[in-house]
């Protein structure tokens, strides 16, 4: 793997970790389409904490997956690839489940 790919993985890991920390700190890192498509009045009345937590956890999954891919590139150990696939699959499942659970709570 080339040096530029390693730099890109490090950059993605750092950015996703920063976004995750900002989400846990209560900054507006909201990815849910229900919030994005809502009107300005609806956004003011929504509980943003659930959406912030959702975004922070998703970015944490992205960080963990990217970190495993970086470790795979550095150590050439295939185990990290399998761990990254597992973390990615759990992250995707979490994204769907949390989206629908937040949607159900707001109705």
C-alpha atoms as a PDB file:
ATOM      1  CA  UNK A   1       0.000   0.000   0.000  1.00  0.00           C
ATOM      2  CA  UNK A   2       1.360   3.380  -0.949  1.00  0.00           C
ATOM      3  CA  UNK A   3       2.233   6.183   1.405  1.00  0.00           C
ATOM      4  CA  UNK A   4      -0.602   8.337   0.069  1.00  0.00           C
ATOM      5  CA  UNK A   5      -3.146   5.652   0.932  1.00  0.00           C
ATOM      6  CA  UNK A   6      -1.775   5.471   4.465  1.00  0.00           C
ATOM      7  CA  UNK A   7      -1.952   9.256   4.785  1.00  0.00           C
ATOM      8  CA  UNK A   8      -5.548   9.187   3.529  1.00  0.00           C
ATOM      9  CA  UNK A   9      -6.477   6.536   6.110  1.00  0.00           C
ATOM     10  CA  UNK A  10      -4.873   8.546   8.907  1.00  0.00           C
ATOM     11  CA  UNK A  11      -6.663  11.699   7.722  1.00  0.00           C
ATOM     12  CA  UNK A  12     -10.035   9.927   7.591  1.00  0.00           C
ATOM     13  CA  UNK A  13      -9.493   8.391  11.030  1.00  0.00           C
ATOM     14  CA  UNK A  14      -8.578  11.737  12.599  1.00  0.00           C
ATOM     15  CA  UNK A  15     -11.481  13.607  10.966  1.00  0.00           C
ATOM     16  CA  UNK A  16     -14.027  10.966  11.970  1.00  0.00           C
ATOM     17  CA  UNK A  17     -12.682  10.940  15.540  1.00  0.00           C
ATOM     18  CA  UNK A  18     -12.954  14.741  15.716  1.00  0.00           C
ATOM     19  CA  UNK A  19     -16.535  14.636  14.407  1.00  0.00           C
ATOM     20  CA  UNK A  20     -17.401  11.920  16.912  1.00  0.00           C
ATOM     21  CA  UNK A  21     -15.981  13.933  19.815  1.00  0.00           C
ATOM     22  CA  UNK A  22     -17.858  17.024  18.636  1.00  0.00           C
ATOM     23  CA  UNK A  23     -21.071  15.005  18.477  1.00  0.00           C
ATOM     24  CA  UNK A  24     -20.620  13.675  22.001  1.00  0.00           C
ATOM     25  CA  UNK A  25     -19.827  17.225  23.160  1.00  0.00           C
ATOM     26  CA  UNK A  26     -23.196  18.440  21.876  1.00  0.00           C
ATOM     27  CA  UNK A  27     -22.223  20.194  18.677  1.00  0.00           C
ATOM     28  CA  UNK A  28     -24.546  20.023  15.686  1.00  0.00           C
ATOM     29  CA  UNK A  29     -23.267  17.017  13.765  1.00  0.00           C
ATOM     30  CA  UNK A  30     -26.663  15.720  12.681  1.00  0.00           C
ATOM     31  CA  UNK A  31     -26.837  13.301   9.747  1.00  0.00           C
ATOM     32  CA  UNK A  32     -30.397  12.018  10.009  1.00  0.00           C
ATOM     33  CA  UNK A  33     -32.525  12.833   6.983  1.00  0.00           C
ATOM     34  CA  UNK A  34     -35.615  13.430   9.131  1.00  0.00           C
ATOM     35  CA  UNK A  35     -33.810  16.379  10.697  1.00  0.00           C
ATOM     36  CA  UNK A  36     -32.345  17.606   7.411  1.00  0.00           C
ATOM     37  CA  UNK A  37     -35.702  17.517   5.586  1.00  0.00           C
ATOM     38  CA  UNK A  38     -37.618  19.150   8.445  1.00  0.00           C
ATOM     39  CA  UNK A  39     -38.657  22.773   8.201  1.00  0.00           C
ATOM     40  CA  UNK A  40     -36.985  25.423  10.310  1.00  0.00           C
ATOM     41  CA  UNK A  41     -39.862  25.486  12.807  1.00  0.00           C
ATOM     42  CA  UNK A  42     -39.846  21.694  13.172  1.00  0.00           C
ATOM     43  CA  UNK A  43     -36.071  21.681  13.735  1.00  0.00           C
ATOM     44  CA  UNK A  44     -36.431  24.134  16.614  1.00  0.00           C
ATOM     45  CA  UNK A  45     -38.978  21.868  18.323  1.00  0.00           C
ATOM     46  CA  UNK A  46     -37.061  18.598  17.773  1.00  0.00           C
ATOM     47  CA  UNK A  47     -35.010  16.905  20.451  1.00  0.00           C
ATOM     48  CA  UNK A  48     -31.553  17.274  18.913  1.00  0.00           C
ATOM     49  CA  UNK A  49     -29.734  15.196  21.536  1.00  0.00           C
ATOM     50  CA  UNK A  50     -30.844  11.895  20.016  1.00  0.00           C
ATOM     51  CA  UNK A  51     -29.726  13.022  16.560  1.00  0.00           C
ATOM     52  CA  UNK A  52     -26.361  14.254  17.899  1.00  0.00           C
ATOM     53  CA  UNK A  53     -25.752  10.969  19.709  1.00  0.00           C
ATOM     54  CA  UNK A  54     -26.628   9.051  16.568  1.00  0.00           C
ATOM     55  CA  UNK A  55     -24.149  11.042  14.475  1.00  0.00           C
ATOM     56  CA  UNK A  56     -21.427  10.741  17.102  1.00  0.00           C
ATOM     57  CA  UNK A  57     -21.782   6.973  17.306  1.00  0.00           C
ATOM     58  CA  UNK A  58     -21.803   6.594  13.529  1.00  0.00           C
ATOM     59  CA  UNK A  59     -18.597   8.625  13.268  1.00  0.00           C
ATOM     60  CA  UNK A  60     -17.121   6.466  16.028  1.00  0.00           C
ATOM     61  CA  UNK A  61     -17.889   3.367  13.944  1.00  0.00           C
ATOM     62  CA  UNK A  62     -16.241   5.038  10.932  1.00  0.00           C
ATOM     63  CA  UNK A  63     -13.188   5.805  13.071  1.00  0.00           C
ATOM     64  CA  UNK A  64     -12.916   2.233  14.337  1.00  0.00           C
ATOM     65  CA  UNK A  65     -13.299   0.776  10.842  1.00  0.00           C
ATOM     66  CA  UNK A  66     -10.705   3.139   9.411  1.00  0.00           C
ATOM     67  CA  UNK A  67      -8.322   2.414  12.274  1.00  0.00           C
ATOM     68  CA  UNK A  68      -8.615  -1.327  11.619  1.00  0.00           C
ATOM     69  CA  UNK A  69      -7.918  -0.748   7.922  1.00  0.00           C
ATOM     70  CA  UNK A  70      -4.882   1.353   8.837  1.00  0.00           C
ATOM     71  CA  UNK A  71      -3.599  -1.352  11.171  1.00  0.00           C
ATOM     72  CA  UNK A  72      -4.123  -3.921   8.412  1.00  0.00           C
ATOM     73  CA  UNK A  73      -2.071  -1.809   6.018  1.00  0.00           C
ATOM     74  CA  UNK A  74       0.725  -1.338   8.532  1.00  0.00           C
ATOM     75  CA  UNK A  75       0.953  -4.869   9.945  1.00  0.00           C
ATOM     76  CA  UNK A  76      -0.291  -6.956   6.972  1.00  0.00           C
ATOM     77  CA  UNK A  77      -2.449  -8.980   9.375  1.00  0.00           C
ATOM     78  CA  UNK A  78      -5.683 -10.150   7.714  1.00  0.00           C
ATOM     79  CA  UNK A  79      -7.480 -10.308  11.070  1.00  0.00           C
ATOM     80  CA  UNK A  80      -7.871  -6.527  11.055  1.00  0.00           C
ATOM     81  CA  UNK A  81      -9.791  -6.729   7.776  1.00  0.00           C
ATOM     82  CA  UNK A  82     -12.321  -9.101   9.310  1.00  0.00           C
ATOM     83  CA  UNK A  83     -12.658  -6.928  12.386  1.00  0.00           C
ATOM     84  CA  UNK A  84     -13.212  -3.880  10.154  1.00  0.00           C
ATOM     85  CA  UNK A  85     -15.949  -5.714   8.228  1.00  0.00           C
ATOM     86  CA  UNK A  86     -17.635  -6.661  11.505  1.00  0.00           C
ATOM     87  CA  UNK A  87     -17.473  -3.134  12.862  1.00  0.00           C
ATOM     88  CA  UNK A  88     -18.762  -1.744   9.571  1.00  0.00           C
ATOM     89  CA  UNK A  89     -21.679  -4.179   9.505  1.00  0.00           C
ATOM     90  CA  UNK A  90     -22.614  -3.347  13.097  1.00  0.00           C
ATOM     91  CA  UNK A  91     -22.357   0.362  12.253  1.00  0.00           C
ATOM     92  CA  UNK A  92     -24.713   0.032   9.292  1.00  0.00           C
ATOM     93  CA  UNK A  93     -27.216  -1.946  11.352  1.00  0.00           C
ATOM     94  CA  UNK A  94     -26.980   0.651  14.128  1.00  0.00           C
ATOM     95  CA  UNK A  95     -27.615   3.473  11.648  1.00  0.00           C
ATOM     96  CA  UNK A  96     -30.834   1.876  10.402  1.00  0.00           C
ATOM     97  CA  UNK A  97     -32.103   0.828  13.827  1.00  0.00           C
ATOM     98  CA  UNK A  98     -31.379   4.197  15.428  1.00  0.00           C
ATOM     99  CA  UNK A  99     -32.984   6.080  12.535  1.00  0.00           C
ATOM    100  CA  UNK A 100     -36.230   4.160  12.854  1.00  0.00           C
ATOM    101  CA  UNK A 101     -36.249   4.231  16.650  1.00  0.00           C
ATOM    102  CA  UNK A 102     -35.815   8.011  16.682  1.00  0.00           C
ATOM    103  CA  UNK A 103     -38.488   8.311  14.000  1.00  0.00           C
ATOM    104  CA  UNK A 104     -40.842   6.152  16.084  1.00  0.00           C
ATOM    105  CA  UNK A 105     -40.237   8.216  19.234  1.00  0.00           C
ATOM    106  CA  UNK A 106     -40.983  11.512  17.492  1.00  0.00           C
ATOM    107  CA  UNK A 107     -44.368  10.381  16.184  1.00  0.00           C
END
